[in-house]
Amino acid sequence: MSSYPIVSSISQLFTAWSGEPATLVLPLARTASNRQYFRLKGEEHQAIGCYGPDVKENRAFISFSQHFRSKGLAVPEIYKVDLEQKIY
């Protein structure tokens, strides 16, 4: 799959969360999973974006992260989610 549509979608999600356009969208090195990670930066905000092709895995990760965070555990904060596009 070409990463351009993913970059465009993840940039839009960043803008929806931060209120500013991403001035940098940098793909990060891939690991053993099918997920693709991106470093996103704007003038005031920065985040890591993720594209995960497996919707069930995305839902599980998001659910676990939110649960663990609510218990005070050190897990990544998930700022914004678009499950239709498989990005967060």
C-alpha atoms as a PDB file:
ATOM      1  CA  MET A   1       0.000   0.000   0.000  1.00  0.00           C
ATOM      2  CA  SER A   2       1.318   3.444  -0.914  1.00  0.00           C
ATOM      3  CA  SER A   3       1.908   5.591   2.159  1.00  0.00           C
ATOM      4  CA  TYR A   4       0.724   8.863   0.549  1.00  0.00           C
ATOM      5  CA  PRO A   5      -2.976   8.389   1.426  1.00  0.00           C
ATOM      6  CA  ILE A   6      -1.915   7.365   4.940  1.00  0.00           C
ATOM      7  CA  VAL A   7       0.306  10.453   5.294  1.00  0.00           C
ATOM      8  CA  SER A   8      -2.530  12.681   4.120  1.00  0.00           C
ATOM      9  CA  SER A   9      -5.048  11.073   6.507  1.00  0.00           C
ATOM     10  CA  ILE A  10      -2.708  11.093   9.478  1.00  0.00           C
ATOM     11  CA  SER A  11      -1.830  14.750   8.786  1.00  0.00           C
ATOM     12  CA  GLN A  12      -5.532  15.614   8.799  1.00  0.00           C
ATOM     13  CA  LEU A  13      -6.025  13.749  12.085  1.00  0.00           C
ATOM     14  CA  PHE A  14      -3.081  15.670  13.583  1.00  0.00           C
ATOM     15  CA  THR A  15      -4.648  18.956  12.465  1.00  0.00           C
ATOM     16  CA  ALA A  16      -8.036  17.963  13.907  1.00  0.00           C
ATOM     17  CA  TRP A  17      -6.373  17.210  17.249  1.00  0.00           C
ATOM     18  CA  SER A  18      -3.853  20.045  17.450  1.00  0.00           C
ATOM     19  CA  GLY A  19      -5.631  22.823  15.548  1.00  0.00           C
ATOM     20  CA  GLU A  20      -2.548  23.375  13.413  1.00  0.00           C
ATOM     21  CA  PRO A  21      -1.152  21.793  10.262  1.00  0.00           C
ATOM     22  CA  ALA A  22       1.677  19.298  10.479  1.00  0.00           C
ATOM     23  CA  THR A  23       4.888  20.907   9.248  1.00  0.00           C
ATOM     24  CA  LEU A  24       6.701  17.566   9.445  1.00  0.00           C
ATOM     25  CA  VAL A  25       5.430  14.040   8.814  1.00  0.00           C
ATOM     26  CA  LEU A  26       8.332  11.637   9.088  1.00  0.00           C
ATOM     27  CA  PRO A  27       7.842   7.883   8.651  1.00  0.00           C
ATOM     28  CA  LEU A  28       9.608   5.951  11.389  1.00  0.00           C
ATOM     29  CA  ALA A  29      11.495   2.713  10.850  1.00  0.00           C
ATOM     30  CA  ARG A  30       9.167  -0.267  10.574  1.00  0.00           C
ATOM     31  CA  THR A  31       9.315  -3.024  13.134  1.00  0.00           C
ATOM     32  CA  ALA A  32       8.062  -6.605  13.065  1.00  0.00           C
ATOM     33  CA  SER A  33       4.399  -5.550  13.167  1.00  0.00           C
ATOM     34  CA  ASN A  34       2.251  -4.354  10.266  1.00  0.00           C
ATOM     35  CA  ARG A  35       1.787  -0.969  11.909  1.00  0.00           C
ATOM     36  CA  GLN A  36       3.318   2.155  10.384  1.00  0.00           C
ATOM     37  CA  TYR A  37       4.401   4.967  12.701  1.00  0.00           C
ATOM     38  CA  PHE A  38       4.980   8.630  11.874  1.00  0.00           C
ATOM     39  CA  ARG A  39       6.498  11.535  13.786  1.00  0.00           C
ATOM     40  CA  LEU A  40       4.271  14.580  13.324  1.00  0.00           C
ATOM     41  CA  LYS A  41       5.188  18.118  14.286  1.00  0.00           C
ATOM     42  CA  GLY A  42       3.441  21.450  14.008  1.00  0.00           C
ATOM     43  CA  GLU A  43       4.476  24.852  15.292  1.00  0.00           C
ATOM     44  CA  GLU A  44       3.311  24.120  18.866  1.00  0.00           C
ATOM     45  CA  HIS A  45       2.439  20.414  19.024  1.00  0.00           C
ATOM     46  CA  GLN A  46       4.030  17.096  18.231  1.00  0.00           C
ATOM     47  CA  ALA A  47       2.809  13.510  18.299  1.00  0.00           C
ATOM     48  CA  ILE A  48       3.399  10.024  17.023  1.00  0.00           C
ATOM     49  CA  GLY A  49       0.772   8.814  14.561  1.00  0.00           C
ATOM     50  CA  CYS A  50      -0.015   5.208  13.777  1.00  0.00           C
ATOM     51  CA  TYR A  51      -1.643   3.382  10.878  1.00  0.00           C
ATOM     52  CA  GLY A  52      -2.684  -0.153  11.785  1.00  0.00           C
ATOM     53  CA  PRO A  53      -4.313  -2.276   9.076  1.00  0.00           C
ATOM     54  CA  ASP A  54      -5.975  -4.620  11.617  1.00  0.00           C
ATOM     55  CA  VAL A  55      -9.074  -2.902  13.039  1.00  0.00           C
ATOM     56  CA  LYS A  56      -9.538  -5.468  15.844  1.00  0.00           C
ATOM     57  CA  GLU A  57      -5.930  -4.991  16.940  1.00  0.00           C
ATOM     58  CA  ASN A  58      -6.352  -1.197  16.856  1.00  0.00           C
ATOM     59  CA  ARG A  59      -9.487  -1.374  19.015  1.00  0.00           C
ATOM     60  CA  ALA A  60      -7.763  -3.657  21.505  1.00  0.00           C
ATOM     61  CA  PHE A  61      -4.658  -1.439  21.722  1.00  0.00           C
ATOM     62  CA  ILE A  62      -6.740   1.723  22.159  1.00  0.00           C
ATOM     63  CA  SER A  63      -8.984   0.093  24.766  1.00  0.00           C
ATOM     64  CA  PHE A  64      -6.071  -1.317  26.765  1.00  0.00           C
ATOM     65  CA  SER A  65      -4.191   1.992  26.601  1.00  0.00           C
ATOM     66  CA  GLN A  66      -7.188   3.969  27.825  1.00  0.00           C
ATOM     67  CA  HIS A  67      -7.862   1.474  30.630  1.00  0.00           C
ATOM     68  CA  PHE A  68      -4.250   1.375  31.822  1.00  0.00           C
ATOM     69  CA  ARG A  69      -3.998   5.179  31.642  1.00  0.00           C
ATOM     70  CA  SER A  70      -7.154   5.505  33.765  1.00  0.00           C
ATOM     71  CA  LYS A  71      -5.393   3.360  36.393  1.00  0.00           C
ATOM     72  CA  GLY A  72      -2.408   5.740  36.441  1.00  0.00           C
ATOM     73  CA  LEU A  73      -0.027   3.485  34.532  1.00  0.00           C
ATOM     74  CA  ALA A  74       2.579   4.964  32.207  1.00  0.00           C
ATOM     75  CA  VAL A  75       1.220   4.269  28.720  1.00  0.00           C
ATOM     76  CA  PRO A  76       1.047   6.483  25.647  1.00  0.00           C
ATOM     77  CA  GLU A  77      -1.844   8.950  25.635  1.00  0.00           C
ATOM     78  CA  ILE A  78      -4.036   8.558  22.575  1.00  0.00           C
ATOM     79  CA  TYR A  79      -5.126  12.014  21.442  1.00  0.00           C
ATOM     80  CA  LYS A  80      -7.392  11.262  18.483  1.00  0.00           C
ATOM     81  CA  VAL A  81      -8.699   8.167  16.682  1.00  0.00           C
ATOM     82  CA  ASP A  82     -10.190   7.509  13.246  1.00  0.00           C
ATOM     83  CA  LEU A  83     -10.985   3.787  13.161  1.00  0.00           C
ATOM     84  CA  GLU A  84     -12.524   4.007   9.679  1.00  0.00           C
ATOM     85  CA  GLN A  85      -9.149   5.055   8.296  1.00  0.00           C
ATOM     86  CA  LYS A  86      -7.304   2.789  10.761  1.00  0.00           C
ATOM     87  CA  ILE A  87      -5.270   5.650  12.219  1.00  0.00           C
ATOM     88  CA  TYR A  88      -4.676   7.084  15.669  1.00  0.00           C
END
